[in-house]
Amino acid sequence: MKVPFWVQPLGRMHPLVLHFPVAFIVLLVLLNLFKNQLEPASFEKINFALLLLTSFTTVLATLMGLLLSLEGYDSELLTLHKWVGIALCFVIYALVWFYAYKKVFQVLLYVGLIGVLVGGHFGAGLTHGTNFLMEPITASKEEIVDENTPIYSAYIAPVLKAKCTSCHNPQKHKGDLDLTTIEAITKGGENGDVWLAHNAEESLLLKKSGITH
């Protein structure tokens, strides 16, 4: 299934809109944790209004995410992110449905918070790479480069990792292109070979990066 070009901008707004349900769910949890600090009638009005905002933005963000996923993304990480988002929609719907049953509401609310954390983790892996969360720790362990280190490992792989592999990796291979290994680079993507031997200036890798200009 291909998304019509005039619908694609809606899907691409997913990264923007998804921050609303995330913030609203966290606010719902905090509001219910400190509800004794508010007058009961005021708490009920604020709580239910915030719940409606949460349900609307959650469904909206999920629909936009589904549209975006149809633009050629295909990975196990995307599948996990997508199904967690869909499940979260049902949890938020259940929050509205069981609003009068306070114990059930509280349980579902915390399930929703966990869903946001899990879905957000998978989403961050899609946009920033699977090692995004632990990267500050792993990056602090600098690899030693000496005369025995292969040129690719010493000088090329670090550049690709910093600039390219967040979008071109086994989990998120835009343009059907993976730039994480020599074998994957040699395979190329949907536009053909990314590197032309003995003709570097005409290689897609350099053209797309703007290095040849």
Protein backbone atom coordinates (compact mmCIF):
# COMPACT_ATOMS: atom_id res chain seq x y z
CA MET A 1 0.00 0.00 0.00
CA LYS A 2 1.40 3.40 -1.02
CA VAL A 3 0.49 6.60 0.76
CA PRO A 4 -0.70 9.37 -1.63
CA PHE A 5 1.72 12.30 -1.76
CA TRP A 6 -0.91 14.70 -0.41
CA VAL A 7 -1.38 12.53 2.72
CA GLN A 8 2.33 12.04 3.45
CA PRO A 9 2.74 15.40 5.26
CA LEU A 10 0.18 14.19 7.83
CA GLY A 11 2.22 11.08 8.53
CA ARG A 12 5.42 13.07 8.81
CA MET A 13 3.87 15.18 11.56
CA HIS A 14 3.94 12.08 13.78
CA PRO A 15 7.24 13.03 15.54
CA LEU A 16 5.71 16.42 16.40
CA VAL A 17 2.27 15.29 17.58
CA LEU A 18 3.44 12.28 19.59
CA HIS A 19 4.92 14.57 22.26
CA PHE A 20 1.42 15.69 23.27
CA PRO A 21 0.08 12.29 24.43
CA VAL A 22 3.41 11.54 26.12
CA ALA A 23 3.22 14.76 28.13
CA PHE A 24 -0.50 14.38 28.85
CA ILE A 25 -0.14 10.81 30.17
CA VAL A 26 2.70 11.88 32.47
CA LEU A 27 0.57 14.82 33.66
CA LEU A 28 -2.36 12.46 34.31
CA VAL A 29 -0.16 10.25 36.48
CA LEU A 30 1.19 13.23 38.44
CA LEU A 31 -2.29 14.72 38.82
CA ASN A 32 -3.64 11.48 40.27
CA LEU A 33 -0.65 11.08 42.57
CA PHE A 34 -1.26 14.52 44.09
CA LYS A 35 -5.05 14.66 43.81
CA ASN A 36 -5.42 15.14 47.57
CA GLN A 37 -3.85 18.57 47.15
CA LEU A 38 -6.84 19.70 45.06
CA GLU A 39 -10.47 20.27 45.85
CA PRO A 40 -12.37 17.11 44.69
CA ALA A 41 -14.71 18.83 42.24
CA SER A 42 -11.85 20.75 40.62
CA PHE A 43 -9.74 17.60 40.42
CA GLU A 44 -12.52 15.69 38.63
CA LYS A 45 -12.99 18.43 36.03
CA ILE A 46 -9.27 18.78 35.34
CA ASN A 47 -8.68 15.03 35.36
CA PHE A 48 -11.45 14.21 32.90
CA ALA A 49 -10.60 17.10 30.56
CA LEU A 50 -6.95 16.02 30.53
CA LEU A 51 -8.00 12.43 29.87
CA LEU A 52 -10.04 13.50 26.83
CA LEU A 53 -7.08 15.48 25.49
CA THR A 54 -4.85 12.45 26.06
CA SER A 55 -7.20 10.07 24.24
CA PHE A 56 -7.60 12.40 21.25
CA THR A 57 -3.88 13.10 20.80
CA THR A 58 -2.94 9.44 21.34
CA VAL A 59 -5.25 8.28 18.54
CA LEU A 60 -4.10 11.14 16.30
CA ALA A 61 -0.40 10.39 16.84
CA THR A 62 -0.95 6.66 16.24
CA LEU A 63 -2.82 7.24 12.96
CA MET A 64 -0.06 9.58 11.79
CA GLY A 65 2.54 6.99 12.76
CA LEU A 66 0.74 4.31 10.73
CA LEU A 67 0.74 6.60 7.69
CA LEU A 68 4.44 7.30 8.15
CA SER A 69 5.24 3.59 8.48
CA LEU A 70 3.80 2.97 5.00
CA GLU A 71 6.49 5.11 3.37
CA GLY A 72 8.97 2.27 3.12
CA TYR A 73 9.97 1.59 6.70
CA ASP A 74 10.29 -2.11 7.41
CA SER A 75 12.01 -3.45 10.51
CA GLU A 76 11.38 -5.45 13.64
CA LEU A 77 11.89 -2.34 15.76
CA LEU A 78 9.23 -0.46 13.79
CA THR A 79 6.81 -3.36 14.25
CA LEU A 80 7.33 -3.28 18.01
CA HIS A 81 6.94 0.51 18.12
CA LYS A 82 3.78 0.35 16.01
CA TRP A 83 2.03 -2.35 18.04
CA VAL A 84 2.92 -0.72 21.36
CA GLY A 85 1.36 2.49 20.03
CA ILE A 86 -1.79 0.67 18.95
CA ALA A 87 -2.04 -1.11 22.30
CA LEU A 88 -1.61 2.24 24.05
CA CYS A 89 -4.61 3.58 22.11
CA PHE A 90 -6.78 0.80 23.52
CA VAL A 91 -5.45 1.42 27.03
CA ILE A 92 -6.33 5.11 26.82
CA TYR A 93 -9.76 4.23 25.40
CA ALA A 94 -10.25 1.87 28.36
CA LEU A 95 -9.30 4.73 30.71
CA VAL A 96 -12.22 6.75 29.36
CA TRP A 97 -14.57 3.76 29.44
CA PHE A 98 -13.70 2.76 33.02
CA TYR A 99 -13.29 6.28 34.36
CA ALA A 100 -15.96 5.72 37.03
CA TYR A 101 -14.17 2.60 38.33
CA LYS A 102 -11.32 4.27 40.17
CA LYS A 103 -9.25 1.17 41.00
CA VAL A 104 -9.38 -0.07 37.41
CA PHE A 105 -8.63 3.46 36.22
CA GLN A 106 -5.51 3.67 38.38
CA VAL A 107 -4.18 0.33 37.11
CA LEU A 108 -4.79 1.25 33.48
CA LEU A 109 -3.19 4.64 34.01
CA TYR A 110 0.09 3.09 35.15
CA VAL A 111 -0.08 0.54 32.33
CA GLY A 112 -0.42 3.50 29.96
CA LEU A 113 2.65 5.16 31.49
CA ILE A 114 4.67 1.97 31.01
CA GLY A 115 3.41 1.77 27.43
CA VAL A 116 4.61 5.32 26.76
CA LEU A 117 8.07 4.52 28.14
CA VAL A 118 8.38 1.29 26.13
CA GLY A 119 6.99 2.81 22.93
CA GLY A 120 9.22 5.86 23.35
CA HIS A 121 12.26 3.64 23.75
CA PHE A 122 11.49 1.80 20.50
CA GLY A 123 10.77 5.11 18.76
CA ALA A 124 14.10 6.57 19.89
CA GLY A 125 15.79 3.47 18.52
CA LEU A 126 14.18 4.11 15.14
CA THR A 127 15.18 7.77 14.90
CA HIS A 128 18.53 7.77 16.69
CA GLY A 129 19.75 4.18 16.50
CA THR A 130 19.23 1.17 18.75
CA ASN A 131 22.10 2.18 21.02
CA PHE A 132 20.79 5.72 21.58
CA LEU A 133 20.02 5.30 25.29
CA MET A 134 23.39 3.83 26.26
CA GLU A 135 25.51 5.65 23.67
CA PRO A 136 26.92 8.25 26.13
CA ILE A 137 28.27 5.41 28.26
CA THR A 138 29.58 3.21 25.45
CA ALA A 139 31.06 6.20 23.59
CA SER A 140 33.18 7.06 26.62
CA LYS A 141 35.16 3.89 25.99
CA GLU A 142 37.41 5.18 23.22
CA GLU A 143 38.76 2.59 20.83
CA ILE A 144 42.51 2.54 20.39
CA VAL A 145 43.63 3.29 16.83
CA ASP A 146 47.14 2.30 15.82
CA GLU A 147 49.04 1.21 12.71
CA ASN A 148 47.34 -2.20 12.86
CA THR A 149 43.79 -0.81 12.78
CA PRO A 150 42.08 -1.22 9.37
CA ILE A 151 41.45 2.10 7.58
CA TYR A 152 37.72 1.43 7.41
CA SER A 153 37.44 0.80 11.17
CA ALA A 154 39.68 3.73 12.09
CA TYR A 155 38.45 6.52 9.81
CA ILE A 156 35.39 5.57 7.77
CA ALA A 157 33.13 3.67 10.16
CA PRO A 158 33.17 6.44 12.85
CA VAL A 159 32.04 9.04 10.28
CA LEU A 160 29.24 6.82 9.00
CA LYS A 161 28.15 6.08 12.55
CA ALA A 162 28.03 9.77 13.45
CA LYS A 163 26.30 11.00 10.28
CA CYS A 164 24.54 8.16 8.46
CA THR A 165 23.70 4.98 10.34
CA SER A 166 20.90 6.45 12.46
CA CYS A 167 18.75 6.25 9.29
CA HIS A 168 20.59 3.52 7.39
CA ASN A 169 20.91 0.49 9.64
CA PRO A 170 19.44 -3.04 9.77
CA GLN A 171 16.43 -1.80 11.77
CA LYS A 172 15.74 1.42 9.83
CA HIS A 173 17.07 1.20 6.30
CA LYS A 174 15.81 4.25 4.43
CA GLY A 175 16.08 3.74 0.70
CA ASP A 176 16.71 0.05 1.41
CA LEU A 177 20.24 1.07 2.39
CA ASP A 178 22.32 -0.16 5.32
CA LEU A 179 25.62 1.59 6.01
CA THR A 180 26.69 -0.27 9.14
CA THR A 181 28.98 -2.85 7.52
CA ILE A 182 31.23 -3.13 4.45
CA GLU A 183 29.07 -5.97 3.12
CA ALA A 184 25.89 -3.88 3.40
CA ILE A 185 27.55 -0.86 1.78
CA THR A 186 28.70 -3.05 -1.12
CA LYS A 187 25.14 -4.30 -1.58
CA GLY A 188 23.85 -0.74 -2.13
CA GLY A 189 20.24 0.40 -1.91
CA GLU A 190 17.17 1.07 -4.03
CA ASN A 191 19.12 3.61 -6.12
CA GLY A 192 21.93 1.17 -6.86
CA ASP A 193 25.54 1.12 -5.72
CA VAL A 194 26.54 3.83 -3.27
CA TRP A 195 30.24 3.53 -3.99
CA LEU A 196 31.85 3.25 -7.43
CA ALA A 197 35.34 1.82 -7.42
CA HIS A 198 37.91 4.08 -9.12
CA ASN A 199 35.18 6.74 -9.60
CA ALA A 200 34.66 8.22 -6.15
CA GLU A 201 33.35 11.61 -7.32
CA GLU A 202 30.39 9.96 -9.09
CA SER A 203 29.55 7.73 -6.14
CA LEU A 204 26.14 8.30 -4.53
CA LEU A 205 27.72 8.20 -1.08
CA LEU A 206 29.70 11.36 -1.79
CA LYS A 207 27.04 13.05 -3.90
CA LYS A 208 24.32 12.66 -1.27
CA SER A 209 26.64 13.81 1.50
CA GLY A 210 27.54 16.94 -0.46
CA ILE A 211 31.27 16.28 -0.14
CA THR A 212 31.89 16.60 -3.89
CA HIS A 213 30.32 20.08 -4.13
